[in-house]
Amino acid sequence: MIFYLISLMTAAMIAKKIFYEGKVQGVGFRYSVKQIAAGFDVSGTVENLPDGRVEVTVQGDLDEVDGLIEDISVSHLKGFIKQTEMHAQEPDLNIKGFSIKR
């Protein structure tokens, strides 16, 4: 029965990893993404990568995840973003909340 409930929860949940490239470090990008994420029912992380990109890992219902990604793309951050790369991934039920890493 517990396995069935977990399967239902993960079936409704999606997860994505998004890489933002451009002038995305040193401009408050991570803090702004965390603020935008607070308006959505999602969990995940945002972190600077050594190669100059920012990685956002986000999971939740499809509408919530897509809403966050859309809000980032139309926010004041859009001027810093030159390229976006997105990948689907398996949800991680151990991730709670949305936080800044590094």
C-alpha atoms as a PDB file:
ATOM      1  CA  MET A   1       0.000   0.000   0.000  1.00  0.00           C
ATOM      2  CA  ILE A   2       2.809   2.455   0.846  1.00  0.00           C
ATOM      3  CA  PHE A   3       4.571   1.635  -2.432  1.00  0.00           C
ATOM      4  CA  TYR A   4       1.337   2.363  -4.305  1.00  0.00           C
ATOM      5  CA  LEU A   5       1.027   5.800  -2.644  1.00  0.00           C
ATOM      6  CA  ILE A   6       4.634   6.677  -3.422  1.00  0.00           C
ATOM      7  CA  SER A   7       4.116   5.584  -7.026  1.00  0.00           C
ATOM      8  CA  LEU A   8       1.091   7.865  -7.312  1.00  0.00           C
ATOM      9  CA  MET A   9       3.022  10.788  -5.816  1.00  0.00           C
ATOM     10  CA  THR A  10       5.945  10.419  -8.200  1.00  0.00           C
ATOM     11  CA  ALA A  11       3.630   9.884 -11.182  1.00  0.00           C
ATOM     12  CA  ALA A  12       2.108  13.321 -10.617  1.00  0.00           C
ATOM     13  CA  MET A  13       5.492  14.906  -9.936  1.00  0.00           C
ATOM     14  CA  ILE A  14       8.026  15.896 -12.570  1.00  0.00           C
ATOM     15  CA  ALA A  15      11.607  17.049 -12.197  1.00  0.00           C
ATOM     16  CA  LYS A  16      13.825  19.140 -14.430  1.00  0.00           C
ATOM     17  CA  LYS A  17      17.410  20.312 -14.404  1.00  0.00           C
ATOM     18  CA  ILE A  18      17.976  23.649 -16.119  1.00  0.00           C
ATOM     19  CA  PHE A  19      21.347  25.194 -16.946  1.00  0.00           C
ATOM     20  CA  TYR A  20      21.460  28.956 -17.480  1.00  0.00           C
ATOM     21  CA  GLU A  21      24.403  30.438 -19.341  1.00  0.00           C
ATOM     22  CA  GLY A  22      25.368  34.092 -19.763  1.00  0.00           C
ATOM     23  CA  LYS A  23      26.129  36.729 -17.134  1.00  0.00           C
ATOM     24  CA  VAL A  24      24.362  34.661 -14.480  1.00  0.00           C
ATOM     25  CA  GLN A  25      26.912  34.752 -11.666  1.00  0.00           C
ATOM     26  CA  GLY A  26      27.610  37.758  -9.482  1.00  0.00           C
ATOM     27  CA  VAL A  27      24.299  39.445 -10.359  1.00  0.00           C
ATOM     28  CA  GLY A  28      21.972  38.010  -7.687  1.00  0.00           C
ATOM     29  CA  PHE A  29      20.663  35.323 -10.023  1.00  0.00           C
ATOM     30  CA  ARG A  30      20.433  32.566  -7.387  1.00  0.00           C
ATOM     31  CA  TYR A  31      18.707  34.814  -4.864  1.00  0.00           C
ATOM     32  CA  SER A  32      16.214  35.987  -7.494  1.00  0.00           C
ATOM     33  CA  VAL A  33      15.443  32.409  -8.577  1.00  0.00           C
ATOM     34  CA  LYS A  34      14.830  31.469  -4.929  1.00  0.00           C
ATOM     35  CA  GLN A  35      12.456  34.436  -4.558  1.00  0.00           C
ATOM     36  CA  ILE A  36      10.566  33.472  -7.729  1.00  0.00           C
ATOM     37  CA  ALA A  37      10.393  29.826  -6.577  1.00  0.00           C
ATOM     38  CA  ALA A  38       8.728  30.945  -3.336  1.00  0.00           C
ATOM     39  CA  GLY A  39       5.624  31.729  -5.404  1.00  0.00           C
ATOM     40  CA  PHE A  40       5.300  28.131  -6.573  1.00  0.00           C
ATOM     41  CA  ASP A  41       4.710  24.775  -4.930  1.00  0.00           C
ATOM     42  CA  VAL A  42       8.076  23.327  -5.972  1.00  0.00           C
ATOM     43  CA  SER A  43      11.209  22.006  -4.330  1.00  0.00           C
ATOM     44  CA  GLY A  44      14.763  22.079  -5.560  1.00  0.00           C
ATOM     45  CA  THR A  45      18.028  23.959  -5.585  1.00  0.00           C
ATOM     46  CA  VAL A  46      19.872  26.674  -7.441  1.00  0.00           C
ATOM     47  CA  GLU A  47      23.665  26.794  -7.546  1.00  0.00           C
ATOM     48  CA  ASN A  48      26.620  28.381  -9.303  1.00  0.00           C
ATOM     49  CA  LEU A  49      28.737  25.983 -11.332  1.00  0.00           C
ATOM     50  CA  PRO A  50      32.524  26.300 -11.737  1.00  0.00           C
ATOM     51  CA  ASP A  51      32.120  26.830 -15.504  1.00  0.00           C
ATOM     52  CA  GLY A  52      30.127  30.058 -14.988  1.00  0.00           C
ATOM     53  CA  ARG A  53      26.652  28.610 -15.495  1.00  0.00           C
ATOM     54  CA  VAL A  54      23.852  28.382 -12.942  1.00  0.00           C
ATOM     55  CA  GLU A  55      22.063  25.074 -12.400  1.00  0.00           C
ATOM     56  CA  VAL A  56      18.447  24.942 -11.237  1.00  0.00           C
ATOM     57  CA  THR A  57      16.995  21.626 -10.151  1.00  0.00           C
ATOM     58  CA  VAL A  58      13.236  21.821  -9.650  1.00  0.00           C
ATOM     59  CA  GLN A  59      10.434  19.359  -9.059  1.00  0.00           C
ATOM     60  CA  GLY A  60       6.707  19.460  -8.464  1.00  0.00           C
ATOM     61  CA  ASP A  61       3.511  19.294 -10.492  1.00  0.00           C
ATOM     62  CA  LEU A  62       3.921  20.050 -14.197  1.00  0.00           C
ATOM     63  CA  ASP A  63       2.080  23.393 -14.021  1.00  0.00           C
ATOM     64  CA  GLU A  64       4.129  24.569 -11.024  1.00  0.00           C
ATOM     65  CA  VAL A  65       7.485  23.582 -12.545  1.00  0.00           C
ATOM     66  CA  ASP A  66       6.629  25.080 -15.936  1.00  0.00           C
ATOM     67  CA  GLY A  67       5.296  28.210 -14.225  1.00  0.00           C
ATOM     68  CA  LEU A  68       8.567  28.727 -12.372  1.00  0.00           C
ATOM     69  CA  ILE A  69      10.615  28.234 -15.529  1.00  0.00           C
ATOM     70  CA  GLU A  70       8.388  30.675 -17.430  1.00  0.00           C
ATOM     71  CA  ASP A  71       8.550  33.287 -14.654  1.00  0.00           C
ATOM     72  CA  ILE A  72      12.358  33.093 -14.630  1.00  0.00           C
ATOM     73  CA  SER A  73      12.445  33.571 -18.415  1.00  0.00           C
ATOM     74  CA  VAL A  74      10.271  36.716 -18.329  1.00  0.00           C
ATOM     75  CA  SER A  75      11.702  38.225 -15.127  1.00  0.00           C
ATOM     76  CA  HIS A  76      14.456  40.826 -14.870  1.00  0.00           C
ATOM     77  CA  LEU A  77      16.859  37.857 -15.135  1.00  0.00           C
ATOM     78  CA  LYS A  78      16.137  37.402 -18.853  1.00  0.00           C
ATOM     79  CA  GLY A  79      18.712  40.052 -19.744  1.00  0.00           C
ATOM     80  CA  PHE A  80      21.449  37.983 -18.110  1.00  0.00           C
ATOM     81  CA  ILE A  81      20.498  34.697 -19.787  1.00  0.00           C
ATOM     82  CA  LYS A  82      22.132  33.941 -23.152  1.00  0.00           C
ATOM     83  CA  GLN A  83      21.343  30.239 -23.366  1.00  0.00           C
ATOM     84  CA  THR A  84      19.152  27.737 -21.512  1.00  0.00           C
ATOM     85  CA  GLU A  85      19.562  23.966 -21.519  1.00  0.00           C
ATOM     86  CA  MET A  86      16.883  21.779 -19.923  1.00  0.00           C
ATOM     87  CA  HIS A  87      16.753  18.075 -19.066  1.00  0.00           C
ATOM     88  CA  ALA A  88      14.049  15.898 -17.521  1.00  0.00           C
ATOM     89  CA  GLN A  89      15.092  13.823 -14.547  1.00  0.00           C
ATOM     90  CA  GLU A  90      13.583  11.523 -11.947  1.00  0.00           C
ATOM     91  CA  PRO A  91      11.973  13.263  -8.954  1.00  0.00           C
ATOM     92  CA  ASP A  92      13.774  12.876  -5.608  1.00  0.00           C
ATOM     93  CA  LEU A  93      11.290  12.512  -2.744  1.00  0.00           C
ATOM     94  CA  ASN A  94      14.031  13.468  -0.267  1.00  0.00           C
ATOM     95  CA  ILE A  95      14.225  17.070  -1.505  1.00  0.00           C
ATOM     96  CA  LYS A  96      12.127  19.453   0.559  1.00  0.00           C
ATOM     97  CA  GLY A  97      11.837  23.194   0.004  1.00  0.00           C
ATOM     98  CA  PHE A  98      13.845  25.310  -2.399  1.00  0.00           C
ATOM     99  CA  SER A  99      17.366  26.357  -1.431  1.00  0.00           C
ATOM    100  CA  ILE A 100      20.509  28.042  -2.685  1.00  0.00           C
ATOM    101  CA  LYS A 101      23.601  25.856  -2.847  1.00  0.00           C
ATOM    102  CA  ARG A 102      27.159  27.264  -2.646  1.00  0.00           C
END
